[in-house]
Amino acid sequence: MRNPAWHRDEIILALDLYSKIQPGQIKASNPDIKELSRVLNRLPIFDVKPDEAKFRNANGVSLKLSNFLAIDESYHGKGMRSFSKLDKKVFKEFESNTKRLHEVAKTIRKIAEDPKLPNQLYLIPEEEEGEKNEILEGAVIYKLHKFRERNTDIVLKKKEVEFKKNGSLLCEACEFDFHTKYGELGFKYIECHHRTPLSEFTSSTRTTLHDLALVCSNCHRMLHRKLDTLSVENLKLLLRY
């Protein structure tokens, strides 16, 4: 069986390396390509790898970098033209912003190198199929965001503090009250949203009570659609009109 197609996060890491080496260095024997192969195999994305021996091996990585040669208008050779639409999309997104590319790749690498995080993030589902390759920072950083939101101890503490202060748990964006709507079934029920934008997330990010916002399920979903541009406060303003 064939291994799965390259994921956005993997393409970001490959593009990051591509931007740092010369075309003549794109070969399976390059130590940097071998190292990238190792990192790709640690990413918490694919739990099923039909061909473990060939999954993102050095040969496969060098071929992916050769795909970028075919997309790169500054390169006057041919490159490997079997690139995907996603390869070209990611290339064009970061073509004029290599600084951001390096930042995102660095964060993804740090998550992959963490001794515990990859196994923990495997348990966090991605968004729906149509959205999983749309998030600029990629799924790995997004999974970390959701993992921090699901820190049971601090979420419970946040709810306790807010309930003690207000006597209820209202959505901070639309003021929906699950207890009022659903009675005892909704008593002390509400979701937690992590306020930190994905662009500022790192593997060492630690969640504080101030980082969390209490929101209803609908508002939480809307916030996740534009994590880097839509704050709880902006959503609240939007709902007024």
C-alpha atoms as a PDB file:
ATOM      1  CA  MET A   1       0.000   0.000   0.000  1.00  0.00           C
ATOM      2  CA  ARG A   2       1.090   3.569  -0.683  1.00  0.00           C
ATOM      3  CA  ASN A   3       1.905   5.919   2.136  1.00  0.00           C
ATOM      4  CA  PRO A   4      -0.436   8.931   2.629  1.00  0.00           C
ATOM      5  CA  ALA A   5       0.034  12.124   0.654  1.00  0.00           C
ATOM      6  CA  TRP A   6       2.196  14.781   2.209  1.00  0.00           C
ATOM      7  CA  HIS A   7       0.448  16.861   4.856  1.00  0.00           C
ATOM      8  CA  ARG A   8       0.698  20.652   5.031  1.00  0.00           C
ATOM      9  CA  ASP A   9       2.955  20.489   8.115  1.00  0.00           C
ATOM     10  CA  GLU A  10       5.364  18.156   6.345  1.00  0.00           C
ATOM     11  CA  ILE A  11       5.466  20.415   3.287  1.00  0.00           C
ATOM     12  CA  ILE A  12       6.226  23.417   5.518  1.00  0.00           C
ATOM     13  CA  LEU A  13       9.203  21.593   7.037  1.00  0.00           C
ATOM     14  CA  ALA A  14      10.438  20.490   3.622  1.00  0.00           C
ATOM     15  CA  LEU A  15      10.052  24.003   2.207  1.00  0.00           C
ATOM     16  CA  ASP A  16      11.937  25.408   5.185  1.00  0.00           C
ATOM     17  CA  LEU A  17      14.907  23.169   4.398  1.00  0.00           C
ATOM     18  CA  TYR A  18      14.612  23.907   0.676  1.00  0.00           C
ATOM     19  CA  SER A  19      14.992  27.625   1.413  1.00  0.00           C
ATOM     20  CA  LYS A  20      18.263  26.981   3.254  1.00  0.00           C
ATOM     21  CA  ILE A  21      20.189  24.728   0.851  1.00  0.00           C
ATOM     22  CA  GLN A  22      21.394  24.889  -2.728  1.00  0.00           C
ATOM     23  CA  PRO A  23      19.852  22.804  -5.549  1.00  0.00           C
ATOM     24  CA  GLY A  24      23.036  20.740  -5.801  1.00  0.00           C
ATOM     25  CA  GLN A  25      22.610  19.691  -2.165  1.00  0.00           C
ATOM     26  CA  ILE A  26      19.238  18.067  -2.794  1.00  0.00           C
ATOM     27  CA  LYS A  27      20.169  14.401  -2.523  1.00  0.00           C
ATOM     28  CA  ALA A  28      19.336  11.581  -0.152  1.00  0.00           C
ATOM     29  CA  SER A  29      22.875  11.478   1.237  1.00  0.00           C
ATOM     30  CA  ASN A  30      22.641  15.053   2.561  1.00  0.00           C
ATOM     31  CA  PRO A  31      22.725  14.917   6.413  1.00  0.00           C
ATOM     32  CA  ASP A  32      20.121  17.712   6.620  1.00  0.00           C
ATOM     33  CA  ILE A  33      17.719  15.696   4.478  1.00  0.00           C
ATOM     34  CA  LYS A  34      18.299  12.613   6.611  1.00  0.00           C
ATOM     35  CA  GLU A  35      17.615  14.692   9.714  1.00  0.00           C
ATOM     36  CA  LEU A  36      14.391  16.054   8.225  1.00  0.00           C
ATOM     37  CA  SER A  37      13.318  12.495   7.460  1.00  0.00           C
ATOM     38  CA  ARG A  38      13.740  11.659  11.146  1.00  0.00           C
ATOM     39  CA  VAL A  39      11.686  14.693  12.237  1.00  0.00           C
ATOM     40  CA  LEU A  40       8.902  13.912   9.761  1.00  0.00           C
ATOM     41  CA  ASN A  41       8.600  10.442  11.235  1.00  0.00           C
ATOM     42  CA  ARG A  42       8.019  11.953  14.684  1.00  0.00           C
ATOM     43  CA  LEU A  43       5.187  14.289  13.697  1.00  0.00           C
ATOM     44  CA  PRO A  44       1.850  13.475  15.399  1.00  0.00           C
ATOM     45  CA  ILE A  45      -0.097  13.328  12.149  1.00  0.00           C
ATOM     46  CA  PHE A  46      -0.194   9.852  10.628  1.00  0.00           C
ATOM     47  CA  ASP A  47      -0.682   6.955  13.026  1.00  0.00           C
ATOM     48  CA  VAL A  48      -0.946   4.554  10.085  1.00  0.00           C
ATOM     49  CA  LYS A  49       2.059   4.247   7.770  1.00  0.00           C
ATOM     50  CA  PRO A  50       1.468   1.396   5.286  1.00  0.00           C
ATOM     51  CA  ASP A  51       5.127   1.251   4.262  1.00  0.00           C
ATOM     52  CA  GLU A  52       7.165   2.090   7.384  1.00  0.00           C
ATOM     53  CA  ALA A  53      10.495   1.564   5.627  1.00  0.00           C
ATOM     54  CA  LYS A  54       9.759   4.118   2.920  1.00  0.00           C
ATOM     55  CA  PHE A  55       7.617   6.552   4.902  1.00  0.00           C
ATOM     56  CA  ARG A  56       9.239   9.973   4.458  1.00  0.00           C
ATOM     57  CA  ASN A  57      12.672   8.406   4.024  1.00  0.00           C
ATOM     58  CA  ALA A  58      15.630  10.417   2.705  1.00  0.00           C
ATOM     59  CA  ASN A  59      14.813   9.516  -0.895  1.00  0.00           C
ATOM     60  CA  GLY A  60      11.244  10.695  -0.505  1.00  0.00           C
ATOM     61  CA  VAL A  61      12.341  13.925   1.157  1.00  0.00           C
ATOM     62  CA  SER A  62      14.855  14.703  -1.598  1.00  0.00           C
ATOM     63  CA  LEU A  63      12.144  14.115  -4.210  1.00  0.00           C
ATOM     64  CA  LYS A  64       9.822  16.520  -2.393  1.00  0.00           C
ATOM     65  CA  LEU A  65      12.530  19.203  -2.398  1.00  0.00           C
ATOM     66  CA  SER A  66      13.032  18.544  -6.114  1.00  0.00           C
ATOM     67  CA  ASN A  67       9.317  19.260  -6.576  1.00  0.00           C
ATOM     68  CA  PHE A  68       9.932  22.754  -5.243  1.00  0.00           C
ATOM     69  CA  LEU A  69      12.588  23.260  -7.929  1.00  0.00           C
ATOM     70  CA  ALA A  70       9.851  22.833 -10.526  1.00  0.00           C
ATOM     71  CA  ILE A  71       7.674  25.427  -8.774  1.00  0.00           C
ATOM     72  CA  ASP A  72      10.453  27.912  -8.035  1.00  0.00           C
ATOM     73  CA  GLU A  73      10.482  30.516 -10.824  1.00  0.00           C
ATOM     74  CA  SER A  74      13.967  31.636  -9.793  1.00  0.00           C
ATOM     75  CA  TYR A  75      15.364  28.195 -10.616  1.00  0.00           C
ATOM     76  CA  HIS A  76      16.253  27.748 -14.294  1.00  0.00           C
ATOM     77  CA  GLY A  77      16.421  23.960 -14.340  1.00  0.00           C
ATOM     78  CA  LYS A  78      13.490  21.539 -14.583  1.00  0.00           C
ATOM     79  CA  GLY A  79      13.059  19.946 -11.190  1.00  0.00           C
ATOM     80  CA  MET A  80      10.533  17.181 -10.527  1.00  0.00           C
ATOM     81  CA  ARG A  81       7.167  18.236 -11.917  1.00  0.00           C
ATOM     82  CA  SER A  82       5.104  15.677 -10.011  1.00  0.00           C
ATOM     83  CA  PHE A  83       4.281  18.266  -7.344  1.00  0.00           C
ATOM     84  CA  SER A  84       0.809  18.480  -5.821  1.00  0.00           C
ATOM     85  CA  LYS A  85      -1.580  21.422  -5.699  1.00  0.00           C
ATOM     86  CA  LEU A  86      -0.843  21.664  -1.979  1.00  0.00           C
ATOM     87  CA  ASP A  87       2.923  21.806  -2.635  1.00  0.00           C
ATOM     88  CA  LYS A  88       2.402  24.807  -4.902  1.00  0.00           C
ATOM     89  CA  LYS A  89      -0.119  26.435  -2.555  1.00  0.00           C
ATOM     90  CA  VAL A  90       2.228  26.292   0.441  1.00  0.00           C
ATOM     91  CA  PHE A  91       5.194  27.405  -1.680  1.00  0.00           C
ATOM     92  CA  LYS A  92       3.317  30.486  -2.885  1.00  0.00           C
ATOM     93  CA  GLU A  93       2.003  31.321   0.590  1.00  0.00           C
ATOM     94  CA  PHE A  94       5.494  31.533   2.048  1.00  0.00           C
ATOM     95  CA  GLU A  95       7.404  32.598  -1.057  1.00  0.00           C
ATOM     96  CA  SER A  96       7.694  36.201   0.086  1.00  0.00           C
ATOM     97  CA  ASN A  97       7.693  35.517   3.810  1.00  0.00           C
ATOM     98  CA  THR A  98      10.559  33.158   4.603  1.00  0.00           C
ATOM     99  CA  LYS A  99      10.848  34.656   8.092  1.00  0.00           C
ATOM    100  CA  ARG A 100       7.373  33.403   8.972  1.00  0.00           C
ATOM    101  CA  LEU A 101       8.161  30.076   7.297  1.00  0.00           C
ATOM    102  CA  HIS A 102      11.211  29.615   9.538  1.00  0.00           C
ATOM    103  CA  GLU A 103       9.201  30.539  12.643  1.00  0.00           C
ATOM    104  CA  VAL A 104       6.416  28.060  11.903  1.00  0.00           C
ATOM    105  CA  ALA A 105       8.860  25.292  10.967  1.00  0.00           C
ATOM    106  CA  LYS A 106      10.881  25.894  14.131  1.00  0.00           C
ATOM    107  CA  THR A 107       7.779  25.531  16.304  1.00  0.00           C
ATOM    108  CA  ILE A 108       6.672  22.338  14.514  1.00  0.00           C
ATOM    109  CA  ARG A 109      10.171  20.882  14.937  1.00  0.00           C
ATOM    110  CA  LYS A 110      10.238  21.667  18.652  1.00  0.00           C
ATOM    111  CA  ILE A 111       6.905  19.927  19.132  1.00  0.00           C
ATOM    112  CA  ALA A 112       8.177  16.877  17.231  1.00  0.00           C
ATOM    113  CA  GLU A 113      11.339  16.780  19.360  1.00  0.00           C
ATOM    114  CA  ASP A 114       9.458  16.977  22.671  1.00  0.00           C
ATOM    115  CA  PRO A 115       9.663  13.607  24.492  1.00  0.00           C
ATOM    116  CA  LYS A 116       5.939  13.575  25.377  1.00  0.00           C
ATOM    117  CA  LEU A 117       3.961  15.928  23.136  1.00  0.00           C
ATOM    118  CA  PRO A 118       3.839  13.861  19.913  1.00  0.00           C
ATOM    119  CA  ASN A 119       2.127  10.932  21.662  1.00  0.00           C
ATOM    120  CA  GLN A 120      -0.270  13.292  23.433  1.00  0.00           C
ATOM    121  CA  LEU A 121      -1.164  15.158  20.241  1.00  0.00           C
ATOM    122  CA  TYR A 122      -1.922  11.947  18.336  1.00  0.00           C
ATOM    123  CA  LEU A 123      -5.075  11.783  20.457  1.00  0.00           C
ATOM    124  CA  ILE A 124      -6.275  15.233  19.362  1.00  0.00           C
ATOM    125  CA  PRO A 125      -8.409  15.046  16.194  1.00  0.00           C
ATOM    126  CA  GLU A 126      -7.877  17.452  13.328  1.00  0.00           C
ATOM    127  CA  GLU A 127     -10.625  19.589  11.923  1.00  0.00           C
ATOM    128  CA  GLU A 128     -12.886  18.314   9.167  1.00  0.00           C
ATOM    129  CA  GLU A 129     -11.165  16.955   6.061  1.00  0.00           C
ATOM    130  CA  GLY A 130     -11.820  20.101   4.065  1.00  0.00           C
ATOM    131  CA  GLU A 131     -10.153  22.358   6.639  1.00  0.00           C
ATOM    132  CA  LYS A 132      -7.151  20.393   7.860  1.00  0.00           C
ATOM    133  CA  ASN A 133      -4.754  21.816   5.277  1.00  0.00           C
ATOM    134  CA  GLU A 134      -6.036  25.397   5.432  1.00  0.00           C
ATOM    135  CA  ILE A 135      -4.543  26.557   8.731  1.00  0.00           C
ATOM    136  CA  LEU A 136      -1.430  28.633   8.020  1.00  0.00           C
ATOM    137  CA  GLU A 137       0.540  27.243  10.944  1.00  0.00           C
ATOM    138  CA  GLY A 138      -0.476  23.661  10.181  1.00  0.00           C
ATOM    139  CA  ALA A 139      -2.240  20.945  12.132  1.00  0.00           C
ATOM    140  CA  VAL A 140       0.519  20.165  14.638  1.00  0.00           C
ATOM    141  CA  ILE A 141       0.487  23.652  16.184  1.00  0.00           C
ATOM    142  CA  TYR A 142      -3.312  23.663  16.009  1.00  0.00           C
ATOM    143  CA  LYS A 143      -3.405  20.336  17.863  1.00  0.00           C
ATOM    144  CA  LEU A 144      -1.163  21.836  20.525  1.00  0.00           C
ATOM    145  CA  HIS A 145      -3.621  24.735  20.848  1.00  0.00           C
ATOM    146  CA  LYS A 146      -6.502  22.320  21.408  1.00  0.00           C
ATOM    147  CA  PHE A 147      -4.393  20.204  23.771  1.00  0.00           C
ATOM    148  CA  ARG A 148      -3.762  23.265  25.952  1.00  0.00           C
ATOM    149  CA  GLU A 149      -7.498  24.046  25.903  1.00  0.00           C
ATOM    150  CA  ARG A 150      -8.194  20.571  27.259  1.00  0.00           C
ATOM    151  CA  ASN A 151      -5.940  20.825  30.306  1.00  0.00           C
ATOM    152  CA  THR A 152      -8.565  19.494  32.728  1.00  0.00           C
ATOM    153  CA  ASP A 153      -7.077  20.958  35.906  1.00  0.00           C
ATOM    154  CA  ILE A 154      -6.824  24.560  34.728  1.00  0.00           C
ATOM    155  CA  VAL A 155     -10.157  24.427  32.861  1.00  0.00           C
ATOM    156  CA  LEU A 156     -11.916  23.331  36.056  1.00  0.00           C
ATOM    157  CA  LYS A 157     -10.088  26.035  37.992  1.00  0.00           C
ATOM    158  CA  LYS A 158     -11.189  28.655  35.446  1.00  0.00           C
ATOM    159  CA  LYS A 159     -14.816  27.561  35.780  1.00  0.00           C
ATOM    160  CA  GLU A 160     -14.637  27.534  39.577  1.00  0.00           C
ATOM    161  CA  VAL A 161     -13.192  31.047  39.747  1.00  0.00           C
ATOM    162  CA  GLU A 162     -15.750  32.479  37.312  1.00  0.00           C
ATOM    163  CA  PHE A 163     -18.708  30.727  38.950  1.00  0.00           C
ATOM    164  CA  LYS A 164     -17.655  31.906  42.393  1.00  0.00           C
ATOM    165  CA  LYS A 165     -17.343  35.478  41.097  1.00  0.00           C
ATOM    166  CA  ASN A 166     -20.533  35.641  38.977  1.00  0.00           C
ATOM    167  CA  GLY A 167     -22.755  32.794  40.167  1.00  0.00           C
ATOM    168  CA  SER A 168     -23.069  31.565  36.570  1.00  0.00           C
ATOM    169  CA  LEU A 169     -20.997  30.589  33.536  1.00  0.00           C
ATOM    170  CA  LEU A 170     -21.952  32.792  30.591  1.00  0.00           C
ATOM    171  CA  CYS A 171     -20.361  32.734  27.153  1.00  0.00           C
ATOM    172  CA  GLU A 172     -17.946  35.689  27.058  1.00  0.00           C
ATOM    173  CA  ALA A 173     -18.912  36.408  23.453  1.00  0.00           C
ATOM    174  CA  CYS A 174     -22.703  35.957  23.217  1.00  0.00           C
ATOM    175  CA  GLU A 175     -23.659  35.538  26.916  1.00  0.00           C
ATOM    176  CA  PHE A 176     -25.391  32.207  26.298  1.00  0.00           C
ATOM    177  CA  ASP A 177     -26.132  30.355  29.561  1.00  0.00           C
ATOM    178  CA  PHE A 178     -26.304  26.561  29.324  1.00  0.00           C
ATOM    179  CA  HIS A 179     -27.929  26.320  32.778  1.00  0.00           C
ATOM    180  CA  THR A 180     -30.728  28.710  31.836  1.00  0.00           C
ATOM    181  CA  LYS A 181     -31.369  26.913  28.533  1.00  0.00           C
ATOM    182  CA  TYR A 182     -30.996  23.284  29.622  1.00  0.00           C
ATOM    183  CA  GLY A 183     -31.674  23.364  33.337  1.00  0.00           C
ATOM    184  CA  GLU A 184     -29.686  21.018  35.549  1.00  0.00           C
ATOM    185  CA  LEU A 185     -28.249  19.300  32.461  1.00  0.00           C
ATOM    186  CA  GLY A 186     -26.400  22.494  31.632  1.00  0.00           C
ATOM    187  CA  PHE A 187     -25.357  23.390  35.184  1.00  0.00           C
ATOM    188  CA  LYS A 188     -21.729  24.610  35.199  1.00  0.00           C
ATOM    189  CA  TYR A 189     -21.288  23.477  31.585  1.00  0.00           C
ATOM    190  CA  ILE A 190     -19.338  25.660  29.163  1.00  0.00           C
ATOM    191  CA  GLU A 191     -16.297  25.310  26.918  1.00  0.00           C
ATOM    192  CA  CYS A 192     -12.871  26.932  27.238  1.00  0.00           C
ATOM    193  CA  HIS A 193     -11.063  28.743  24.448  1.00  0.00           C
ATOM    194  CA  HIS A 194      -7.332  29.486  24.496  1.00  0.00           C
ATOM    195  CA  ARG A 195      -6.835  33.160  23.658  1.00  0.00           C
ATOM    196  CA  THR A 196      -3.225  32.894  22.450  1.00  0.00           C
ATOM    197  CA  PRO A 197      -3.044  33.197  18.617  1.00  0.00           C
ATOM    198  CA  LEU A 198      -1.483  30.236  16.802  1.00  0.00           C
ATOM    199  CA  SER A 199       1.269  32.543  15.551  1.00  0.00           C
ATOM    200  CA  GLU A 200       2.420  32.950  19.169  1.00  0.00           C
ATOM    201  CA  PHE A 201       2.125  29.313  20.218  1.00  0.00           C
ATOM    202  CA  THR A 202       5.270  27.394  21.146  1.00  0.00           C
ATOM    203  CA  SER A 203       5.937  23.938  22.532  1.00  0.00           C
ATOM    204  CA  SER A 204       6.755  25.538  25.886  1.00  0.00           C
ATOM    205  CA  THR A 205       3.546  27.585  26.068  1.00  0.00           C
ATOM    206  CA  ARG A 206       2.000  27.228  29.506  1.00  0.00           C
ATOM    207  CA  THR A 207      -1.645  28.051  30.076  1.00  0.00           C
ATOM    208  CA  THR A 208      -2.788  30.504  32.755  1.00  0.00           C
ATOM    209  CA  LEU A 209      -6.325  31.396  33.831  1.00  0.00           C
ATOM    210  CA  HIS A 210      -6.008  34.678  31.932  1.00  0.00           C
ATOM    211  CA  ASP A 211      -5.259  32.733  28.727  1.00  0.00           C
ATOM    212  CA  LEU A 212      -8.652  31.021  28.826  1.00  0.00           C
ATOM    213  CA  ALA A 213     -12.052  32.392  27.850  1.00  0.00           C
ATOM    214  CA  LEU A 214     -15.356  30.709  28.652  1.00  0.00           C
ATOM    215  CA  VAL A 215     -17.445  30.353  25.501  1.00  0.00           C
ATOM    216  CA  CYS A 216     -20.425  28.410  24.204  1.00  0.00           C
ATOM    217  CA  SER A 217     -19.936  25.685  21.617  1.00  0.00           C
ATOM    218  CA  ASN A 218     -21.050  27.836  18.676  1.00  0.00           C
ATOM    219  CA  CYS A 219     -18.816  30.780  19.517  1.00  0.00           C
ATOM    220  CA  HIS A 220     -15.910  28.428  20.171  1.00  0.00           C
ATOM    221  CA  ARG A 221     -16.326  26.984  16.714  1.00  0.00           C
ATOM    222  CA  MET A 222     -16.404  30.445  15.130  1.00  0.00           C
ATOM    223  CA  LEU A 223     -13.265  31.494  17.015  1.00  0.00           C
ATOM    224  CA  HIS A 224     -11.449  28.428  15.723  1.00  0.00           C
ATOM    225  CA  ARG A 225     -12.287  29.332  12.160  1.00  0.00           C
ATOM    226  CA  LYS A 226     -10.013  32.396  12.402  1.00  0.00           C
ATOM    227  CA  LEU A 227      -7.693  31.692  15.298  1.00  0.00           C
ATOM    228  CA  ASP A 228      -5.101  34.294  14.384  1.00  0.00           C
ATOM    229  CA  THR A 229      -7.443  37.154  13.553  1.00  0.00           C
ATOM    230  CA  LEU A 230     -10.624  36.765  15.615  1.00  0.00           C
ATOM    231  CA  SER A 231     -10.505  37.434  19.350  1.00  0.00           C
ATOM    232  CA  VAL A 232     -13.307  36.831  21.835  1.00  0.00           C
ATOM    233  CA  GLU A 233     -13.732  40.595  22.155  1.00  0.00           C
ATOM    234  CA  ASN A 234     -13.972  41.063  18.375  1.00  0.00           C
ATOM    235  CA  LEU A 235     -16.525  38.264  18.095  1.00  0.00           C
ATOM    236  CA  LYS A 236     -18.563  39.918  20.846  1.00  0.00           C
ATOM    237  CA  LEU A 237     -18.573  43.182  18.883  1.00  0.00           C
ATOM    238  CA  LEU A 238     -19.514  41.314  15.709  1.00  0.00           C
ATOM    239  CA  LEU A 239     -22.551  39.803  17.411  1.00  0.00           C
ATOM    240  CA  ARG A 240     -23.863  43.234  18.340  1.00  0.00           C
ATOM    241  CA  TYR A 241     -24.569  44.081  14.707  1.00  0.00           C
END
